[in-house]
């Protein structure tokens, strides 16, 4: 089997992507320093797929330790690079930590790809690179606006690092996947979103509130120029997102890329407000949420959602799940974790 390295493999998106890769015939190894996860998702992956994935708990900012993993695993044909700090709010208060971790780890991964002859790289980028876009939906050609937080700036910088690197390193080709708001869980409820630090993404905040882990939740901003005053986001089911990574890997392996570095938006292609997401959760679960309309949060973009035509046309990728399925699977995962 062809071997793929997934960095951040015990994290939320990484673990779900590993499932999709294995189900599509790939062998997977993981690097994750466990700073915001643990190795429990590996048990869920094994129960779903029948395959035990090895994780190397090293810091990718340590180049020599990263090189050792590549040396021990010859024949890696692709890297999917998820590993990064990702909290918008935290990045505002700890910018240097985010610049150091997210960009240095990427540079080390690229250096090892070049040294060890890994030709295919998929970079976990983000819709946050667009900032407050002047036109919606955003396409891959939409110009960057000012980053609203240091996390978003690390993704803008990461894309440019990859672009410059692949221009001169002809044997390495890359895709930057700009995905929108991953949410939901595997339909088995064996893996899902379970960060070690306090959840800040909307959907786990909703499910934690509903299960009683939080007394209430805040809706950050009710006076935006949107349908109901709350922020608009494009929520993509994590298993649809996982499938996009596998599709990108095959696209590169088959030599279909038209440039050394390409960009794809990965989202449902429609915007949902925070209040609409809450209503969808209440509809599919029958649970009522205790939420508070609060002030705006630093670093938040007002509205962002995707034009995904390019991914459909070139990758053959189409999302299969909607906001209600996102809420249904996220709630099943939360209930299982709580042992209810």
Protein backbone atom coordinates (compact mmCIF):
# COMPACT_ATOMS: atom_id res chain seq x y z
CA UNK A 1 0.00 0.00 0.00
CA UNK A 2 1.09 3.57 -0.64
CA UNK A 3 2.19 5.33 2.53
CA UNK A 4 0.85 8.74 3.55
CA UNK A 5 2.05 10.89 6.44
CA UNK A 6 -0.66 12.85 8.25
CA UNK A 7 0.59 15.54 10.61
CA UNK A 8 -1.85 16.38 13.37
CA UNK A 9 -3.27 12.90 12.87
CA UNK A 10 -4.85 12.53 16.31
CA UNK A 11 -6.64 15.85 15.94
CA UNK A 12 -10.18 16.40 14.79
CA UNK A 13 -9.82 16.73 11.01
CA UNK A 14 -6.69 14.60 10.90
CA UNK A 15 -8.33 11.57 12.51
CA UNK A 16 -11.34 11.68 10.19
CA UNK A 17 -9.09 12.06 7.16
CA UNK A 18 -7.07 9.04 8.25
CA UNK A 19 -10.27 7.00 8.20
CA UNK A 20 -11.03 8.13 4.64
CA UNK A 21 -7.46 7.43 3.51
CA UNK A 22 -7.47 3.92 4.94
CA UNK A 23 -10.87 3.18 3.42
CA UNK A 24 -9.38 4.23 0.08
CA UNK A 25 -6.47 1.81 0.34
CA UNK A 26 -3.66 3.95 1.77
CA UNK A 27 -1.31 3.10 4.63
CA UNK A 28 -1.09 5.95 7.13
CA UNK A 29 1.38 7.10 9.75
CA UNK A 30 0.78 10.09 12.01
CA UNK A 31 2.85 12.79 13.67
CA UNK A 32 1.08 14.63 16.48
CA UNK A 33 2.70 16.13 19.57
CA UNK A 34 -0.60 15.76 21.46
CA UNK A 35 -0.62 19.41 22.52
CA UNK A 36 -4.36 19.67 21.87
CA UNK A 37 -5.40 16.01 21.59
CA UNK A 38 -4.59 12.54 22.87
CA UNK A 39 -4.22 9.15 21.20
CA UNK A 40 -7.79 7.99 21.90
CA UNK A 41 -8.87 8.74 18.31
CA UNK A 42 -6.45 6.01 17.19
CA UNK A 43 -8.68 3.51 19.00
CA UNK A 44 -11.73 4.81 17.15
CA UNK A 45 -9.88 4.69 13.84
CA UNK A 46 -8.89 1.09 14.52
CA UNK A 47 -12.46 0.12 15.42
CA UNK A 48 -13.82 1.76 12.24
CA UNK A 49 -11.16 0.54 9.79
CA UNK A 50 -9.53 -2.48 11.40
CA UNK A 51 -6.13 -0.77 11.05
CA UNK A 52 -3.91 0.47 13.87
CA UNK A 53 -2.16 3.72 12.97
CA UNK A 54 1.17 4.56 14.58
CA UNK A 55 1.56 8.07 15.94
CA UNK A 56 4.91 9.73 16.57
CA UNK A 57 4.47 12.20 19.43
CA UNK A 58 7.14 14.68 18.36
CA UNK A 59 7.14 18.43 17.77
CA UNK A 60 7.47 19.32 14.10
CA UNK A 61 9.33 22.48 15.09
CA UNK A 62 12.22 20.13 15.99
CA UNK A 63 13.78 19.50 12.58
CA UNK A 64 16.08 16.65 13.62
CA UNK A 65 13.29 14.67 15.28
CA UNK A 66 11.11 15.29 12.22
CA UNK A 67 13.89 14.04 9.92
CA UNK A 68 14.17 10.86 11.99
CA UNK A 69 10.52 9.99 11.29
CA UNK A 70 11.04 10.37 7.56
CA UNK A 71 14.23 8.30 7.73
CA UNK A 72 12.41 5.51 9.60
CA UNK A 73 9.56 5.47 7.08
CA UNK A 74 10.96 5.31 3.54
CA UNK A 75 8.56 5.44 0.62
CA UNK A 76 6.15 8.14 1.84
CA UNK A 77 4.27 9.29 -1.27
CA UNK A 78 2.28 12.14 0.25
CA UNK A 79 2.00 14.44 3.25
CA UNK A 80 -1.22 15.94 4.54
CA UNK A 81 -0.19 18.73 6.87
CA UNK A 82 -2.83 19.59 9.49
CA UNK A 83 -0.60 20.19 12.52
CA UNK A 84 -1.07 23.76 13.74
CA UNK A 85 -2.42 25.84 16.57
CA UNK A 86 -5.88 26.98 15.48
CA UNK A 87 -7.72 29.12 18.04
CA UNK A 88 -8.66 32.52 16.61
CA UNK A 89 -9.13 34.04 20.06
CA UNK A 90 -5.94 32.58 21.52
CA UNK A 91 -3.88 33.73 18.54
CA UNK A 92 -4.89 37.34 19.18
CA UNK A 93 -3.22 37.20 22.59
CA UNK A 94 -0.32 34.87 21.71
CA UNK A 95 0.77 35.92 18.19
CA UNK A 96 4.44 34.95 18.47
CA UNK A 97 3.54 31.46 19.63
CA UNK A 98 1.32 31.04 16.57
CA UNK A 99 3.89 32.39 14.11
CA UNK A 100 6.61 30.17 15.56
CA UNK A 101 4.58 26.98 15.76
CA UNK A 102 2.55 27.13 12.57
CA UNK A 103 5.17 28.46 10.19
CA UNK A 104 8.30 26.77 11.50
CA UNK A 105 6.59 23.38 11.51
CA UNK A 106 5.54 23.91 7.89
CA UNK A 107 9.07 24.89 6.83
CA UNK A 108 10.46 21.74 8.48
CA UNK A 109 7.89 19.51 6.78
CA UNK A 110 8.72 21.04 3.40
CA UNK A 111 12.46 20.61 4.00
CA UNK A 112 11.94 16.93 4.79
CA UNK A 113 9.70 16.46 1.76
CA UNK A 114 12.49 17.80 -0.41
CA UNK A 115 15.22 15.78 1.30
CA UNK A 116 13.33 12.48 1.31
CA UNK A 117 11.70 12.78 -2.09
CA UNK A 118 8.05 13.16 -1.08
CA UNK A 119 6.33 14.60 -4.14
CA UNK A 120 2.78 15.35 -2.99
CA UNK A 121 1.80 17.80 -0.23
CA UNK A 122 -1.63 18.95 0.88
CA UNK A 123 -1.68 21.95 3.21
CA UNK A 124 -4.48 22.62 5.64
CA UNK A 125 -5.31 26.23 4.87
CA UNK A 126 -8.43 28.14 5.83
CA UNK A 127 -11.12 30.47 4.61
CA UNK A 128 -9.73 32.91 7.17
CA UNK A 129 -7.10 33.88 4.57
CA UNK A 130 -9.77 35.93 2.78
CA UNK A 131 -10.38 38.25 5.73
CA UNK A 132 -13.53 40.34 5.35
CA UNK A 133 -14.03 39.64 1.66
CA UNK A 134 -15.65 42.37 -0.40
CA UNK A 135 -17.68 39.91 -2.50
CA UNK A 136 -19.41 36.65 -1.59
CA UNK A 137 -19.17 33.80 -2.21
CA UNK A 138 -15.38 33.80 -2.31
CA UNK A 139 -13.56 32.03 -5.13
CA UNK A 140 -9.96 30.87 -5.21
CA UNK A 141 -9.15 34.10 -7.07
CA UNK A 142 -10.66 36.37 -4.41
CA UNK A 143 -7.88 38.66 -3.15
CA UNK A 144 -6.70 38.41 0.42
CA UNK A 145 -7.94 41.15 2.70
CA UNK A 146 -6.22 42.07 5.95
CA UNK A 147 -6.02 39.04 8.24
CA UNK A 148 -8.39 39.44 11.18
CA UNK A 149 -6.14 37.50 13.57
CA UNK A 150 -2.62 36.05 13.79
CA UNK A 151 -3.96 32.53 13.13
CA UNK A 152 -5.33 33.69 9.78
CA UNK A 153 -2.04 35.42 8.99
CA UNK A 154 -0.13 32.17 9.60
CA UNK A 155 -2.33 30.54 6.95
CA UNK A 156 -1.76 33.39 4.51
CA UNK A 157 1.97 33.10 5.14
CA UNK A 158 1.87 29.31 4.87
CA UNK A 159 0.29 29.46 1.42
CA UNK A 160 2.95 31.91 0.23
CA UNK A 161 5.74 29.74 1.67
CA UNK A 162 4.40 26.76 -0.27
CA UNK A 163 3.99 28.81 -3.46
CA UNK A 164 7.58 30.06 -3.32
CA UNK A 165 8.95 26.64 -2.37
CA UNK A 166 7.22 24.69 -5.15
CA UNK A 167 8.27 27.22 -7.80
CA UNK A 168 11.90 26.25 -7.35
CA UNK A 169 11.46 22.66 -6.12
CA UNK A 170 9.96 21.18 -9.25
CA UNK A 171 9.73 17.62 -7.92
CA UNK A 172 7.34 18.68 -5.12
CA UNK A 173 3.77 19.67 -5.94
CA UNK A 174 1.20 20.96 -3.49
CA UNK A 175 -2.43 21.83 -2.91
CA UNK A 176 -3.59 24.40 -0.39
CA UNK A 177 -7.09 23.46 0.73
CA UNK A 178 -8.98 26.50 1.94
CA UNK A 179 -11.70 24.94 3.99
CA UNK A 180 -14.42 26.65 5.79
CA UNK A 181 -15.92 25.53 9.11
CA UNK A 182 -15.48 21.79 9.73
CA UNK A 183 -18.09 20.31 12.03
CA UNK A 184 -19.91 17.08 12.83
CA UNK A 185 -18.47 13.64 13.53
CA UNK A 186 -18.07 10.21 11.98
CA UNK A 187 -21.44 8.53 11.67
CA UNK A 188 -20.28 5.71 13.97
CA UNK A 189 -19.79 8.23 16.82
CA UNK A 190 -16.42 6.54 17.44
CA UNK A 191 -14.44 9.68 16.63
CA UNK A 192 -15.37 13.34 16.77
CA UNK A 193 -14.22 16.74 17.96
CA UNK A 194 -12.64 16.56 21.42
CA UNK A 195 -9.88 19.14 21.95
CA UNK A 196 -7.93 19.04 25.20
CA UNK A 197 -8.21 22.79 25.55
CA UNK A 198 -11.53 24.60 25.88
CA UNK A 199 -13.59 24.31 22.69
CA UNK A 200 -14.05 27.58 20.84
CA UNK A 201 -15.67 26.39 17.60
CA UNK A 202 -19.43 26.87 17.41
CA UNK A 203 -20.70 23.31 17.03
CA UNK A 204 -18.86 21.73 19.99
CA UNK A 205 -19.83 24.76 22.07
CA UNK A 206 -23.47 24.08 21.14
CA UNK A 207 -23.28 20.38 22.02
CA UNK A 208 -21.40 21.02 25.27
CA UNK A 209 -24.09 23.51 26.28
CA UNK A 210 -26.88 21.10 25.41
CA UNK A 211 -25.29 18.24 27.36
CA UNK A 212 -24.79 20.45 30.43
CA UNK A 213 -21.01 20.93 30.35
CA UNK A 214 -21.66 24.67 29.99
CA UNK A 215 -24.43 26.55 31.75
CA UNK A 216 -24.95 28.72 28.67
CA UNK A 217 -23.23 29.83 25.49
CA UNK A 218 -22.51 33.22 23.97
CA UNK A 219 -23.47 34.30 20.48
CA UNK A 220 -20.67 36.75 19.73
CA UNK A 221 -22.35 39.70 18.06
CA UNK A 222 -25.99 40.30 17.22
CA UNK A 223 -25.62 43.57 15.33
CA UNK A 224 -23.72 42.49 12.22
CA UNK A 225 -25.11 43.37 8.78
CA UNK A 226 -26.48 39.84 8.21
CA UNK A 227 -29.92 38.21 8.06
CA UNK A 228 -30.31 38.02 11.84
CA UNK A 229 -27.35 40.05 13.13
CA UNK A 230 -25.06 37.06 13.84
CA UNK A 231 -21.98 36.01 11.88
CA UNK A 232 -22.32 33.92 8.70
CA UNK A 233 -20.20 30.82 8.15
CA UNK A 234 -20.03 27.89 5.73
CA UNK A 235 -20.21 24.68 7.78
CA UNK A 236 -18.72 21.60 6.09
CA UNK A 237 -19.16 18.09 7.49
CA UNK A 238 -15.80 16.73 8.61
CA UNK A 239 -16.20 13.50 6.59
CA UNK A 240 -16.92 15.48 3.42
CA UNK A 241 -13.79 17.49 4.20
CA UNK A 242 -11.82 14.28 4.77
CA UNK A 243 -12.89 12.99 1.37
CA UNK A 244 -11.61 16.21 -0.24
CA UNK A 245 -8.10 15.50 1.05
CA UNK A 246 -8.10 12.02 -0.44
CA UNK A 247 -9.38 13.43 -3.73
CA UNK A 248 -6.56 16.00 -3.73
CA UNK A 249 -3.96 13.34 -3.08
CA UNK A 250 -5.17 11.27 -6.03
CA UNK A 251 -5.29 14.40 -8.20
CA UNK A 252 -1.62 15.09 -7.50
CA UNK A 253 -0.55 11.46 -7.82
CA UNK A 254 -2.20 11.23 -11.22
CA UNK A 255 -0.37 14.35 -12.40
CA UNK A 256 -3.52 16.34 -13.04
CA UNK A 257 -2.21 19.50 -11.43
CA UNK A 258 -1.65 22.41 -13.81
CA UNK A 259 0.77 24.33 -11.55
CA UNK A 260 3.32 23.41 -8.86
CA UNK A 261 0.95 24.78 -6.21
CA UNK A 262 -2.83 24.93 -6.57
CA UNK A 263 -5.66 26.18 -4.36
CA UNK A 264 -9.14 24.77 -3.78
CA UNK A 265 -12.04 26.02 -1.68
CA UNK A 266 -13.77 23.29 0.26
CA UNK A 267 -17.15 24.26 1.70
CA UNK A 268 -20.82 23.53 1.25
CA UNK A 269 -21.13 26.75 -0.74
CA UNK A 270 -23.82 28.34 1.36
CA UNK A 271 -23.77 30.59 4.40
CA UNK A 272 -25.44 29.78 7.72
CA UNK A 273 -25.73 32.29 10.54
CA UNK A 274 -24.86 31.38 14.10
CA UNK A 275 -28.53 31.64 15.08
CA UNK A 276 -29.57 29.47 12.11
CA UNK A 277 -27.03 26.84 13.22
CA UNK A 278 -28.52 26.89 16.72
CA UNK A 279 -32.01 26.48 15.25
CA UNK A 280 -30.82 23.52 13.13
CA UNK A 281 -29.43 21.85 16.24
CA UNK A 282 -32.65 22.35 18.18
CA UNK A 283 -34.68 21.00 15.26
CA UNK A 284 -32.78 17.72 14.76
CA UNK A 285 -32.18 16.94 18.44
CA UNK A 286 -35.22 18.37 20.20
CA UNK A 287 -32.86 20.00 22.72
CA UNK A 288 -33.30 23.65 23.68
CA UNK A 289 -30.17 25.73 24.09
CA UNK A 290 -29.52 28.35 26.71
CA UNK A 291 -27.67 31.05 24.79
CA UNK A 292 -26.88 34.72 25.37
CA UNK A 293 -26.57 37.41 22.71
CA UNK A 294 -23.24 38.98 23.59
CA UNK A 295 -20.76 41.51 22.20
CA UNK A 296 -18.62 40.89 19.14
CA UNK A 297 -15.43 38.83 19.55
CA UNK A 298 -12.01 40.07 18.48
CA UNK A 299 -10.76 38.39 15.30
CA UNK A 300 -14.12 37.32 13.89
CA UNK A 301 -14.95 37.89 10.22
CA UNK A 302 -18.53 39.03 9.56
CA UNK A 303 -19.46 36.67 6.70
CA UNK A 304 -17.64 34.05 4.67
CA UNK A 305 -18.82 31.20 2.45
CA UNK A 306 -17.41 29.36 -0.51
CA UNK A 307 -17.71 29.05 -4.21
CA UNK A 308 -16.70 25.39 -4.59
CA UNK A 309 -17.09 25.05 -8.37
CA UNK A 310 -13.37 24.46 -8.95
CA UNK A 311 -13.23 21.51 -6.55
CA UNK A 312 -16.28 19.95 -8.16
CA UNK A 313 -14.95 20.48 -11.68
CA UNK A 314 -11.35 19.30 -11.19
CA UNK A 315 -11.49 16.99 -8.17
CA UNK A 316 -14.97 15.59 -8.71
CA UNK A 317 -15.66 16.48 -5.09
CA UNK A 318 -19.20 17.29 -3.95
CA UNK A 319 -20.26 17.51 -0.27
CA UNK A 320 -22.94 15.00 0.69
CA UNK A 321 -24.05 16.27 4.12
CA UNK A 322 -25.86 19.43 5.25
CA UNK A 323 -26.06 21.46 8.47
CA UNK A 324 -28.68 19.14 9.95
CA UNK A 325 -26.48 16.08 9.42
CA UNK A 326 -23.60 18.01 10.96
CA UNK A 327 -25.68 18.68 14.06
CA UNK A 328 -27.06 15.14 14.22
CA UNK A 329 -23.63 13.48 14.15
CA UNK A 330 -22.03 16.07 16.47
CA UNK A 331 -24.78 15.45 19.03
CA UNK A 332 -24.43 11.65 18.76
CA UNK A 333 -20.71 12.01 19.43
CA UNK A 334 -21.30 14.33 22.41
CA UNK A 335 -23.88 11.97 23.90
CA UNK A 336 -21.51 9.01 23.52
CA UNK A 337 -18.66 10.92 25.17
CA UNK A 338 -20.92 11.85 28.08
CA UNK A 339 -22.10 8.26 28.48
CA UNK A 340 -25.72 9.39 28.45
